[in-house]
Amino acid sequence: MTNLDPLKQFTEWLEHAKSTEAIRRDLVTVPDTEAMTLCTSTPLGIPSARLVALKAVDTRGFVFCTNYKSRKSLELDANPHAALVFYWSGVHRSVRVVGKAHRISRAESEEHWRARPRETHLGAWASPQSQVLGDAGEVLQRLEEVSARFEGMEEVEMPEFWGGWRVVPDEIEFWSGKASRLHDRERYLRQEDGEWKVVCLAP
């Protein structure tokens, strides 16, 4: 399995998982191959985890987009250390990532914003993510107001409080499950010169 470039290895695994997902479209439930668990923590080390969508991956790292006022963003602002976990049950594979998160540029965030459907644009404006609501109908009321505000406009502008984060990996582990439970595990560690060192781990 060893590939000297773990990000290339990840891309190959992701594409394989996607191709398997495409074959299983006839099933009632189809796993979302681009869903990943993002774990952040406060400066005191109190963790929180949630599922987010992978929006891009390249040699620089893994990108997701969110509200910059959300809990995840506030925690990353205070403590940039983060972890990601991908799990693809259909191919019995998982990838774990550890690194630091940085906000991407506004120009790059704009690219991801434009790739989203209009409904999600309106939703981003309407939802004060992670904030306490007076009642469940508050967001729907805000959505009506936002929809009226942008009615007739071809494009919905990206709010200042929305954008992307990039998790720059220092460690990536690949796990491949086996019925014997003697699973394959390879861990890549980024060295000071930027190169990667790979080691095999006991299952």
N, C-alpha and C. Protein backbone atom coordinates (compact mmCIF):
# COMPACT_ATOMS: atom_id res chain seq x y z
N MET A 1 0.82 -1.21 0.00
CA MET A 1 0.00 0.00 0.00
C MET A 1 0.86 1.26 0.00
N THR A 2 2.10 1.14 0.46
CA THR A 2 2.91 2.33 0.72
C THR A 2 3.08 3.22 -0.50
N ASN A 3 2.75 4.49 -0.32
CA ASN A 3 2.98 5.54 -1.31
C ASN A 3 3.73 6.63 -0.57
N LEU A 4 4.81 7.14 -1.14
CA LEU A 4 5.63 8.12 -0.43
C LEU A 4 4.90 9.43 -0.19
N ASP A 5 3.81 9.67 -0.90
CA ASP A 5 3.03 10.90 -0.74
C ASP A 5 1.67 10.53 -0.13
N PRO A 6 1.45 10.81 1.16
CA PRO A 6 0.19 10.40 1.78
C PRO A 6 -1.03 11.12 1.23
N LEU A 7 -0.86 12.36 0.75
CA LEU A 7 -2.01 13.07 0.20
C LEU A 7 -2.43 12.46 -1.14
N LYS A 8 -1.46 11.99 -1.90
CA LYS A 8 -1.79 11.27 -3.14
C LYS A 8 -2.46 9.95 -2.79
N GLN A 9 -1.94 9.28 -1.76
CA GLN A 9 -2.55 8.03 -1.31
C GLN A 9 -3.99 8.26 -0.87
N PHE A 10 -4.22 9.36 -0.15
CA PHE A 10 -5.58 9.68 0.29
C PHE A 10 -6.51 9.88 -0.90
N THR A 11 -6.05 10.63 -1.89
CA THR A 11 -6.87 10.89 -3.07
C THR A 11 -7.25 9.59 -3.77
N GLU A 12 -6.30 8.67 -3.86
CA GLU A 12 -6.58 7.38 -4.49
C GLU A 12 -7.62 6.60 -3.69
N TRP A 13 -7.50 6.62 -2.38
CA TRP A 13 -8.47 5.93 -1.54
C TRP A 13 -9.85 6.58 -1.64
N LEU A 14 -9.89 7.90 -1.67
CA LEU A 14 -11.16 8.60 -1.77
C LEU A 14 -11.86 8.26 -3.09
N GLU A 15 -11.12 8.26 -4.18
CA GLU A 15 -11.71 7.94 -5.47
C GLU A 15 -12.21 6.50 -5.51
N HIS A 16 -11.47 5.60 -4.87
CA HIS A 16 -11.91 4.20 -4.81
C HIS A 16 -13.21 4.08 -4.02
N ALA A 17 -13.29 4.81 -2.90
CA ALA A 17 -14.52 4.79 -2.10
C ALA A 17 -15.69 5.37 -2.89
N LYS A 18 -15.44 6.44 -3.66
CA LYS A 18 -16.49 7.03 -4.48
C LYS A 18 -16.99 6.06 -5.54
N SER A 19 -16.07 5.35 -6.17
CA SER A 19 -16.47 4.41 -7.22
C SER A 19 -17.30 3.27 -6.63
N THR A 20 -16.96 2.85 -5.43
CA THR A 20 -17.74 1.81 -4.76
C THR A 20 -19.11 2.34 -4.41
N GLU A 21 -19.18 3.59 -3.95
CA GLU A 21 -20.46 4.22 -3.62
C GLU A 21 -21.35 4.28 -4.85
N ALA A 22 -20.76 4.62 -6.01
CA ALA A 22 -21.55 4.73 -7.24
C ALA A 22 -22.18 3.39 -7.61
N ILE A 23 -21.46 2.30 -7.37
CA ILE A 23 -21.98 0.98 -7.68
C ILE A 23 -23.16 0.63 -6.78
N ARG A 24 -23.16 1.19 -5.55
CA ARG A 24 -24.18 0.84 -4.56
C ARG A 24 -25.35 1.82 -4.54
N ARG A 25 -25.52 2.59 -5.58
CA ARG A 25 -26.59 3.58 -5.61
C ARG A 25 -27.98 2.98 -5.51
N ASP A 26 -28.09 1.68 -5.79
CA ASP A 26 -29.41 1.06 -5.73
C ASP A 26 -29.83 0.76 -4.29
N LEU A 27 -28.91 0.90 -3.34
CA LEU A 27 -29.25 0.66 -1.95
C LEU A 27 -30.02 1.83 -1.37
N VAL A 28 -30.77 1.57 -0.34
CA VAL A 28 -31.56 2.62 0.31
C VAL A 28 -30.65 3.67 0.92
N THR A 29 -29.58 3.21 1.59
CA THR A 29 -28.65 4.12 2.24
C THR A 29 -27.30 4.05 1.54
N VAL A 30 -26.80 5.19 1.12
CA VAL A 30 -25.50 5.26 0.47
C VAL A 30 -24.59 6.14 1.33
N PRO A 31 -23.44 5.64 1.75
CA PRO A 31 -22.56 6.44 2.59
C PRO A 31 -22.03 7.66 1.85
N ASP A 32 -21.81 8.73 2.59
CA ASP A 32 -21.26 9.95 2.03
C ASP A 32 -19.75 9.88 2.16
N THR A 33 -19.07 9.64 1.07
CA THR A 33 -17.62 9.42 1.13
C THR A 33 -16.84 10.67 1.50
N GLU A 34 -17.44 11.85 1.32
CA GLU A 34 -16.72 13.08 1.63
C GLU A 34 -17.06 13.63 3.02
N ALA A 35 -17.82 12.86 3.79
CA ALA A 35 -18.09 13.25 5.17
C ALA A 35 -16.89 12.91 6.03
N MET A 36 -16.53 13.81 6.93
CA MET A 36 -15.41 13.55 7.83
C MET A 36 -15.73 14.09 9.21
N THR A 37 -15.25 13.39 10.21
CA THR A 37 -15.39 13.87 11.58
C THR A 37 -14.26 14.85 11.86
N LEU A 38 -14.64 16.04 12.31
CA LEU A 38 -13.67 17.08 12.67
C LEU A 38 -13.66 17.21 14.19
N CYS A 39 -12.51 17.03 14.79
CA CYS A 39 -12.37 17.20 16.23
C CYS A 39 -11.54 18.44 16.53
N THR A 40 -12.10 19.32 17.34
CA THR A 40 -11.41 20.52 17.80
C THR A 40 -11.41 20.49 19.32
N SER A 41 -10.70 21.43 19.92
CA SER A 41 -10.71 21.50 21.38
C SER A 41 -10.43 22.92 21.84
N THR A 42 -10.83 23.20 23.05
CA THR A 42 -10.58 24.50 23.64
C THR A 42 -9.12 24.57 24.09
N PRO A 43 -8.63 25.76 24.44
CA PRO A 43 -7.26 25.85 24.96
C PRO A 43 -7.03 24.99 26.21
N LEU A 44 -8.12 24.65 26.92
CA LEU A 44 -8.01 23.79 28.11
C LEU A 44 -8.04 22.31 27.74
N GLY A 45 -8.22 22.01 26.44
CA GLY A 45 -8.21 20.62 26.01
C GLY A 45 -9.56 19.94 26.03
N ILE A 46 -10.64 20.69 26.20
CA ILE A 46 -11.98 20.10 26.17
C ILE A 46 -12.37 19.87 24.72
N PRO A 47 -12.58 18.61 24.30
CA PRO A 47 -12.81 18.32 22.88
C PRO A 47 -14.26 18.45 22.46
N SER A 48 -14.46 18.63 21.18
CA SER A 48 -15.79 18.55 20.57
C SER A 48 -15.61 18.00 19.16
N ALA A 49 -16.57 17.23 18.70
CA ALA A 49 -16.47 16.60 17.38
C ALA A 49 -17.79 16.71 16.66
N ARG A 50 -17.69 16.79 15.34
CA ARG A 50 -18.88 16.88 14.50
C ARG A 50 -18.51 16.45 13.08
N LEU A 51 -19.54 16.10 12.29
CA LEU A 51 -19.33 15.75 10.89
C LEU A 51 -19.37 17.01 10.03
N VAL A 52 -18.41 17.13 9.13
CA VAL A 52 -18.40 18.21 8.15
C VAL A 52 -18.08 17.61 6.79
N ALA A 53 -18.25 18.38 5.74
CA ALA A 53 -18.01 17.89 4.39
C ALA A 53 -16.64 18.35 3.89
N LEU A 54 -15.88 17.42 3.35
CA LEU A 54 -14.62 17.76 2.70
C LEU A 54 -14.93 18.49 1.40
N LYS A 55 -14.39 19.69 1.24
CA LYS A 55 -14.64 20.48 0.04
C LYS A 55 -13.50 20.43 -0.95
N ALA A 56 -12.29 20.16 -0.48
CA ALA A 56 -11.14 20.09 -1.38
C ALA A 56 -9.99 19.42 -0.65
N VAL A 57 -9.13 18.77 -1.40
CA VAL A 57 -7.90 18.22 -0.85
C VAL A 57 -6.83 18.35 -1.92
N ASP A 58 -5.67 18.82 -1.52
CA ASP A 58 -4.53 18.93 -2.43
C ASP A 58 -3.26 18.81 -1.61
N THR A 59 -2.13 19.19 -2.18
CA THR A 59 -0.86 19.04 -1.48
C THR A 59 -0.78 19.89 -0.22
N ARG A 60 -1.66 20.89 -0.10
CA ARG A 60 -1.63 21.77 1.07
C ARG A 60 -2.44 21.23 2.24
N GLY A 61 -3.43 20.40 1.97
CA GLY A 61 -4.23 19.85 3.05
C GLY A 61 -5.69 19.67 2.70
N PHE A 62 -6.53 19.63 3.74
CA PHE A 62 -7.95 19.29 3.64
C PHE A 62 -8.80 20.51 3.96
N VAL A 63 -9.74 20.85 3.08
CA VAL A 63 -10.53 22.07 3.23
C VAL A 63 -11.99 21.74 3.57
N PHE A 64 -12.53 22.49 4.53
CA PHE A 64 -13.97 22.47 4.79
C PHE A 64 -14.43 23.91 4.97
N CYS A 65 -15.72 24.15 4.80
CA CYS A 65 -16.26 25.51 4.91
C CYS A 65 -17.32 25.56 6.01
N THR A 66 -17.42 26.72 6.63
CA THR A 66 -18.35 26.86 7.75
C THR A 66 -18.56 28.32 8.11
N ASN A 67 -19.37 28.53 9.12
CA ASN A 67 -19.59 29.86 9.68
C ASN A 67 -18.41 30.17 10.61
N TYR A 68 -17.78 31.31 10.43
CA TYR A 68 -16.63 31.66 11.25
C TYR A 68 -17.02 32.02 12.69
N LYS A 69 -18.33 32.09 12.97
CA LYS A 69 -18.79 32.35 14.33
C LYS A 69 -19.27 31.07 15.02
N SER A 70 -19.13 29.94 14.33
CA SER A 70 -19.56 28.66 14.89
C SER A 70 -18.60 28.21 15.99
N ARG A 71 -19.02 27.22 16.74
CA ARG A 71 -18.16 26.70 17.82
C ARG A 71 -16.85 26.18 17.27
N LYS A 72 -16.91 25.44 16.16
CA LYS A 72 -15.69 24.88 15.61
C LYS A 72 -14.70 25.97 15.22
N SER A 73 -15.20 27.04 14.61
CA SER A 73 -14.32 28.13 14.20
C SER A 73 -13.73 28.87 15.40
N LEU A 74 -14.55 29.13 16.41
CA LEU A 74 -14.06 29.82 17.59
C LEU A 74 -13.00 28.99 18.30
N GLU A 75 -13.19 27.68 18.33
CA GLU A 75 -12.18 26.82 18.96
C GLU A 75 -10.90 26.79 18.14
N LEU A 76 -11.02 26.76 16.82
CA LEU A 76 -9.82 26.75 15.98
C LEU A 76 -9.09 28.09 16.04
N ASP A 77 -9.83 29.18 16.20
CA ASP A 77 -9.18 30.47 16.36
C ASP A 77 -8.32 30.48 17.62
N ALA A 78 -8.81 29.83 18.67
CA ALA A 78 -8.10 29.82 19.95
C ALA A 78 -7.05 28.71 20.03
N ASN A 79 -7.30 27.62 19.32
CA ASN A 79 -6.40 26.46 19.36
C ASN A 79 -6.45 25.78 18.00
N PRO A 80 -5.47 26.01 17.13
CA PRO A 80 -5.55 25.52 15.74
C PRO A 80 -5.34 24.02 15.57
N HIS A 81 -4.98 23.31 16.62
CA HIS A 81 -4.77 21.86 16.49
C HIS A 81 -6.10 21.16 16.25
N ALA A 82 -6.12 20.27 15.26
CA ALA A 82 -7.36 19.60 14.88
C ALA A 82 -7.07 18.19 14.40
N ALA A 83 -8.11 17.37 14.40
CA ALA A 83 -8.01 16.01 13.87
C ALA A 83 -9.21 15.73 12.98
N LEU A 84 -8.99 14.91 11.97
CA LEU A 84 -10.04 14.49 11.05
C LEU A 84 -10.08 12.97 11.01
N VAL A 85 -11.26 12.41 10.81
CA VAL A 85 -11.39 10.97 10.60
C VAL A 85 -12.36 10.74 9.45
N PHE A 86 -11.92 9.96 8.47
CA PHE A 86 -12.77 9.49 7.38
C PHE A 86 -13.00 7.99 7.61
N TYR A 87 -14.23 7.54 7.40
CA TYR A 87 -14.52 6.11 7.50
C TYR A 87 -15.41 5.70 6.34
N TRP A 88 -14.92 4.76 5.55
CA TRP A 88 -15.66 4.25 4.40
C TRP A 88 -15.99 2.78 4.64
N SER A 89 -17.18 2.54 5.15
CA SER A 89 -17.56 1.18 5.53
C SER A 89 -17.61 0.23 4.34
N GLY A 90 -17.97 0.77 3.17
CA GLY A 90 -18.11 -0.08 1.99
C GLY A 90 -16.83 -0.72 1.53
N VAL A 91 -15.70 -0.10 1.86
CA VAL A 91 -14.40 -0.64 1.44
C VAL A 91 -13.53 -0.99 2.65
N HIS A 92 -14.11 -0.89 3.86
CA HIS A 92 -13.40 -1.23 5.10
C HIS A 92 -12.09 -0.46 5.24
N ARG A 93 -12.19 0.84 5.03
CA ARG A 93 -11.00 1.69 5.14
C ARG A 93 -11.30 2.94 5.96
N SER A 94 -10.27 3.44 6.60
CA SER A 94 -10.39 4.67 7.38
C SER A 94 -9.08 5.45 7.28
N VAL A 95 -9.19 6.76 7.38
CA VAL A 95 -8.01 7.63 7.37
C VAL A 95 -8.14 8.61 8.53
N ARG A 96 -7.06 8.74 9.28
CA ARG A 96 -7.02 9.68 10.40
C ARG A 96 -5.96 10.74 10.12
N VAL A 97 -6.32 12.00 10.36
CA VAL A 97 -5.43 13.13 10.06
C VAL A 97 -5.27 13.98 11.31
N VAL A 98 -4.04 14.40 11.59
CA VAL A 98 -3.76 15.32 12.69
C VAL A 98 -2.94 16.48 12.13
N GLY A 99 -3.33 17.71 12.47
CA GLY A 99 -2.58 18.86 11.96
C GLY A 99 -3.09 20.15 12.56
N LYS A 100 -2.75 21.25 11.91
CA LYS A 100 -3.20 22.56 12.34
C LYS A 100 -4.09 23.18 11.27
N ALA A 101 -5.12 23.89 11.71
CA ALA A 101 -6.07 24.50 10.78
C ALA A 101 -5.79 25.98 10.62
N HIS A 102 -5.94 26.45 9.39
CA HIS A 102 -5.75 27.87 9.07
C HIS A 102 -6.91 28.32 8.18
N ARG A 103 -7.36 29.54 8.36
CA ARG A 103 -8.39 30.08 7.47
C ARG A 103 -7.81 30.24 6.07
N ILE A 104 -8.59 29.86 5.06
CA ILE A 104 -8.15 30.06 3.69
C ILE A 104 -8.46 31.50 3.27
N SER A 105 -7.93 31.91 2.14
CA SER A 105 -8.14 33.28 1.68
C SER A 105 -9.60 33.51 1.32
N ARG A 106 -10.00 34.76 1.33
CA ARG A 106 -11.38 35.09 0.94
C ARG A 106 -11.63 34.71 -0.51
N ALA A 107 -10.63 34.89 -1.36
CA ALA A 107 -10.79 34.53 -2.77
C ALA A 107 -11.07 33.04 -2.93
N GLU A 108 -10.35 32.22 -2.17
CA GLU A 108 -10.57 30.77 -2.24
C GLU A 108 -11.93 30.41 -1.66
N SER A 109 -12.31 31.08 -0.57
CA SER A 109 -13.64 30.85 0.01
C SER A 109 -14.73 31.20 -0.99
N GLU A 110 -14.52 32.28 -1.75
CA GLU A 110 -15.50 32.69 -2.76
C GLU A 110 -15.70 31.60 -3.80
N GLU A 111 -14.64 30.90 -4.17
CA GLU A 111 -14.75 29.82 -5.15
C GLU A 111 -15.66 28.71 -4.62
N HIS A 112 -15.47 28.36 -3.36
CA HIS A 112 -16.31 27.31 -2.77
C HIS A 112 -17.75 27.80 -2.61
N TRP A 113 -17.91 29.07 -2.28
CA TRP A 113 -19.26 29.65 -2.13
C TRP A 113 -20.02 29.58 -3.45
N ARG A 114 -19.36 29.93 -4.54
CA ARG A 114 -20.03 29.94 -5.85
C ARG A 114 -20.39 28.53 -6.31
N ALA A 115 -19.70 27.53 -5.80
CA ALA A 115 -19.98 26.14 -6.20
C ALA A 115 -21.19 25.56 -5.46
N ARG A 116 -21.70 26.28 -4.48
CA ARG A 116 -22.83 25.80 -3.68
C ARG A 116 -24.15 26.25 -4.30
N PRO A 117 -25.22 25.46 -4.10
CA PRO A 117 -26.54 25.87 -4.62
C PRO A 117 -27.09 27.07 -3.85
N ARG A 118 -27.99 27.80 -4.48
CA ARG A 118 -28.54 29.02 -3.89
C ARG A 118 -29.19 28.77 -2.52
N GLU A 119 -29.85 27.62 -2.37
CA GLU A 119 -30.52 27.33 -1.11
C GLU A 119 -29.55 27.33 0.06
N THR A 120 -28.34 26.83 -0.16
CA THR A 120 -27.37 26.82 0.93
C THR A 120 -26.82 28.21 1.20
N HIS A 121 -26.80 29.07 0.17
CA HIS A 121 -26.40 30.47 0.38
C HIS A 121 -27.38 31.14 1.33
N LEU A 122 -28.66 30.96 1.05
CA LEU A 122 -29.69 31.58 1.90
C LEU A 122 -29.64 31.00 3.31
N GLY A 123 -29.40 29.70 3.40
CA GLY A 123 -29.31 29.07 4.70
C GLY A 123 -28.14 29.59 5.52
N ALA A 124 -27.02 29.85 4.84
CA ALA A 124 -25.85 30.37 5.54
C ALA A 124 -26.13 31.74 6.14
N TRP A 125 -26.85 32.57 5.39
CA TRP A 125 -27.22 33.90 5.88
C TRP A 125 -28.23 33.80 7.03
N ALA A 126 -29.14 32.83 6.94
CA ALA A 126 -30.24 32.76 7.90
C ALA A 126 -29.85 32.15 9.24
N SER A 127 -28.88 31.26 9.24
CA SER A 127 -28.57 30.52 10.46
C SER A 127 -27.41 31.13 11.25
N PRO A 128 -27.66 31.57 12.48
CA PRO A 128 -26.58 32.02 13.36
C PRO A 128 -25.95 30.80 14.02
N GLN A 129 -25.18 30.07 13.26
CA GLN A 129 -24.74 28.73 13.64
C GLN A 129 -24.18 28.65 15.06
N SER A 130 -24.64 27.64 15.78
CA SER A 130 -24.22 27.32 17.14
C SER A 130 -24.77 28.26 18.20
N GLN A 131 -25.54 29.28 17.79
CA GLN A 131 -26.12 30.21 18.76
C GLN A 131 -27.45 29.66 19.29
N VAL A 132 -27.79 30.03 20.50
CA VAL A 132 -29.04 29.58 21.12
C VAL A 132 -30.22 30.30 20.47
N LEU A 133 -31.25 29.53 20.10
CA LEU A 133 -32.44 30.09 19.46
C LEU A 133 -33.57 30.28 20.47
N GLY A 134 -34.42 31.24 20.19
CA GLY A 134 -35.60 31.42 21.02
C GLY A 134 -36.55 30.26 20.86
N ASP A 135 -36.73 29.80 19.61
CA ASP A 135 -37.54 28.62 19.32
C ASP A 135 -37.14 28.13 17.94
N ALA A 136 -37.66 26.93 17.57
CA ALA A 136 -37.28 26.30 16.31
C ALA A 136 -37.70 27.11 15.10
N GLY A 137 -38.73 27.94 15.24
CA GLY A 137 -39.21 28.71 14.11
C GLY A 137 -38.39 29.95 13.81
N GLU A 138 -37.45 30.28 14.67
CA GLU A 138 -36.67 31.50 14.48
C GLU A 138 -35.86 31.46 13.19
N VAL A 139 -35.24 30.32 12.91
CA VAL A 139 -34.43 30.21 11.70
C VAL A 139 -35.30 30.31 10.46
N LEU A 140 -36.50 29.71 10.50
CA LEU A 140 -37.40 29.79 9.35
C LEU A 140 -37.82 31.23 9.09
N GLN A 141 -38.05 31.97 10.15
CA GLN A 141 -38.39 33.38 10.00
C GLN A 141 -37.24 34.16 9.40
N ARG A 142 -36.04 33.87 9.87
CA ARG A 142 -34.85 34.53 9.31
C ARG A 142 -34.66 34.16 7.85
N LEU A 143 -34.98 32.89 7.50
CA LEU A 143 -34.85 32.45 6.12
C LEU A 143 -35.80 33.22 5.22
N GLU A 144 -37.02 33.45 5.68
CA GLU A 144 -37.98 34.23 4.90
C GLU A 144 -37.46 35.65 4.67
N GLU A 145 -36.89 36.24 5.69
CA GLU A 145 -36.36 37.60 5.58
C GLU A 145 -35.18 37.65 4.61
N VAL A 146 -34.30 36.66 4.70
CA VAL A 146 -33.14 36.62 3.81
C VAL A 146 -33.58 36.38 2.37
N SER A 147 -34.54 35.47 2.18
CA SER A 147 -35.04 35.18 0.83
C SER A 147 -35.63 36.43 0.20
N ALA A 148 -36.35 37.21 0.99
CA ALA A 148 -36.92 38.46 0.48
C ALA A 148 -35.82 39.46 0.15
N ARG A 149 -34.80 39.49 0.95
CA ARG A 149 -33.69 40.44 0.73
C ARG A 149 -32.99 40.18 -0.59
N PHE A 150 -32.79 38.90 -0.93
CA PHE A 150 -32.05 38.56 -2.14
C PHE A 150 -32.96 38.20 -3.32
N GLU A 151 -34.26 38.36 -3.16
CA GLU A 151 -35.19 38.03 -4.24
C GLU A 151 -34.89 38.88 -5.48
N GLY A 152 -34.86 38.21 -6.63
CA GLY A 152 -34.59 38.90 -7.88
C GLY A 152 -33.12 39.09 -8.19
N MET A 153 -32.26 38.81 -7.23
CA MET A 153 -30.82 38.93 -7.46
C MET A 153 -30.29 37.61 -8.02
N GLU A 154 -29.46 37.71 -9.04
CA GLU A 154 -28.92 36.51 -9.66
C GLU A 154 -28.00 35.76 -8.72
N GLU A 155 -27.21 36.49 -7.93
CA GLU A 155 -26.27 35.85 -7.02
C GLU A 155 -26.49 36.34 -5.59
N VAL A 156 -26.22 35.46 -4.65
CA VAL A 156 -26.25 35.80 -3.23
C VAL A 156 -24.82 36.02 -2.78
N GLU A 157 -24.52 37.20 -2.29
CA GLU A 157 -23.15 37.49 -1.89
C GLU A 157 -22.72 36.65 -0.69
N MET A 158 -21.43 36.39 -0.61
CA MET A 158 -20.90 35.61 0.50
C MET A 158 -20.76 36.51 1.73
N PRO A 159 -21.29 36.08 2.87
CA PRO A 159 -21.17 36.90 4.08
C PRO A 159 -19.74 36.91 4.62
N GLU A 160 -19.40 37.96 5.34
CA GLU A 160 -18.07 38.07 5.93
C GLU A 160 -17.80 36.95 6.93
N PHE A 161 -18.88 36.44 7.55
CA PHE A 161 -18.70 35.44 8.61
C PHE A 161 -18.62 34.01 8.08
N TRP A 162 -18.56 33.84 6.77
CA TRP A 162 -18.52 32.50 6.18
C TRP A 162 -17.21 32.32 5.43
N GLY A 163 -16.65 31.10 5.48
CA GLY A 163 -15.44 30.84 4.72
C GLY A 163 -14.87 29.46 5.01
N GLY A 164 -13.68 29.24 4.51
CA GLY A 164 -13.08 27.91 4.61
C GLY A 164 -11.92 27.84 5.58
N TRP A 165 -11.68 26.62 6.02
CA TRP A 165 -10.52 26.28 6.83
C TRP A 165 -9.73 25.20 6.10
N ARG A 166 -8.43 25.24 6.24
CA ARG A 166 -7.58 24.16 5.70
C ARG A 166 -6.82 23.51 6.84
N VAL A 167 -6.99 22.21 6.98
CA VAL A 167 -6.21 21.45 7.96
C VAL A 167 -4.94 20.98 7.27
N VAL A 168 -3.82 21.53 7.71
CA VAL A 168 -2.51 21.17 7.15
C VAL A 168 -1.97 20.00 7.97
N PRO A 169 -1.83 18.83 7.36
CA PRO A 169 -1.51 17.63 8.14
C PRO A 169 -0.04 17.53 8.54
N ASP A 170 0.16 17.05 9.77
CA ASP A 170 1.48 16.66 10.25
C ASP A 170 1.57 15.15 10.40
N GLU A 171 0.40 14.53 10.45
CA GLU A 171 0.33 13.08 10.61
C GLU A 171 -0.90 12.56 9.88
N ILE A 172 -0.74 11.49 9.12
CA ILE A 172 -1.86 10.84 8.42
C ILE A 172 -1.71 9.34 8.60
N GLU A 173 -2.77 8.70 9.08
CA GLU A 173 -2.74 7.25 9.25
C GLU A 173 -3.80 6.60 8.36
N PHE A 174 -3.39 5.55 7.66
CA PHE A 174 -4.29 4.78 6.80
C PHE A 174 -4.57 3.43 7.46
N TRP A 175 -5.84 3.10 7.56
CA TRP A 175 -6.27 1.85 8.17
C TRP A 175 -7.09 1.06 7.17
N SER A 176 -6.75 -0.21 6.99
CA SER A 176 -7.49 -1.09 6.09
C SER A 176 -7.91 -2.33 6.87
N GLY A 177 -9.23 -2.52 7.01
CA GLY A 177 -9.74 -3.58 7.86
C GLY A 177 -9.66 -4.96 7.23
N LYS A 178 -9.48 -5.96 8.09
CA LYS A 178 -9.45 -7.36 7.67
C LYS A 178 -10.33 -8.18 8.60
N ALA A 179 -10.92 -9.25 8.07
CA ALA A 179 -11.80 -10.10 8.86
C ALA A 179 -11.07 -10.70 10.05
N SER A 180 -9.78 -10.94 9.90
CA SER A 180 -8.97 -11.53 10.98
C SER A 180 -8.71 -10.54 12.11
N ARG A 181 -9.06 -9.28 11.89
CA ARG A 181 -8.78 -8.17 12.80
C ARG A 181 -7.30 -7.82 12.87
N LEU A 182 -6.51 -8.45 12.03
CA LEU A 182 -5.10 -8.06 11.89
C LEU A 182 -5.03 -6.98 10.80
N HIS A 183 -5.58 -5.84 11.12
CA HIS A 183 -5.75 -4.76 10.16
C HIS A 183 -4.40 -4.17 9.74
N ASP A 184 -4.38 -3.63 8.53
CA ASP A 184 -3.19 -2.92 8.04
C ASP A 184 -3.25 -1.47 8.51
N ARG A 185 -2.14 -0.98 9.08
CA ARG A 185 -2.06 0.41 9.52
C ARG A 185 -0.71 1.00 9.10
N GLU A 186 -0.77 2.12 8.42
CA GLU A 186 0.45 2.85 8.05
C GLU A 186 0.31 4.30 8.48
N ARG A 187 1.31 4.80 9.17
CA ARG A 187 1.28 6.18 9.66
C ARG A 187 2.39 6.99 9.02
N TYR A 188 2.00 8.13 8.47
CA TYR A 188 2.95 9.06 7.85
C TYR A 188 3.16 10.24 8.80
N LEU A 189 4.41 10.58 9.06
CA LEU A 189 4.75 11.72 9.90
C LEU A 189 5.57 12.71 9.09
N ARG A 190 5.14 13.97 9.10
CA ARG A 190 5.86 14.99 8.36
C ARG A 190 7.15 15.35 9.10
N GLN A 191 8.26 15.35 8.37
CA GLN A 191 9.55 15.68 8.95
C GLN A 191 9.83 17.18 8.85
N GLU A 192 10.87 17.64 9.52
CA GLU A 192 11.20 19.06 9.53
C GLU A 192 11.49 19.60 8.14
N ASP A 193 12.01 18.74 7.25
CA ASP A 193 12.32 19.18 5.89
C ASP A 193 11.11 19.11 4.96
N GLY A 194 9.95 18.74 5.51
CA GLY A 194 8.74 18.66 4.71
C GLY A 194 8.47 17.30 4.10
N GLU A 195 9.45 16.42 4.15
CA GLU A 195 9.26 15.07 3.63
C GLU A 195 8.46 14.23 4.63
N TRP A 196 8.00 13.08 4.16
CA TRP A 196 7.18 12.22 5.01
C TRP A 196 7.92 10.94 5.35
N LYS A 197 7.78 10.50 6.60
CA LYS A 197 8.32 9.22 7.03
C LYS A 197 7.15 8.30 7.31
N VAL A 198 7.19 7.10 6.76
CA VAL A 198 6.08 6.16 6.94
C VAL A 198 6.53 4.98 7.78
N VAL A 199 5.66 4.57 8.71
CA VAL A 199 5.93 3.41 9.55
C VAL A 199 4.68 2.54 9.58
N CYS A 200 4.88 1.25 9.81
CA CYS A 200 3.76 0.33 9.98
C CYS A 200 3.44 0.21 11.46
N LEU A 201 2.16 0.13 11.80
CA LEU A 201 1.72 0.02 13.18
C LEU A 201 1.03 -1.32 13.41
N ALA A 202 1.16 -1.84 14.61
CA ALA A 202 0.44 -3.07 14.96
C ALA A 202 -1.05 -2.78 15.01
N PRO A 203 -1.88 -3.72 14.58
CA PRO A 203 -3.33 -3.49 14.56
C PRO A 203 -3.90 -3.39 15.98
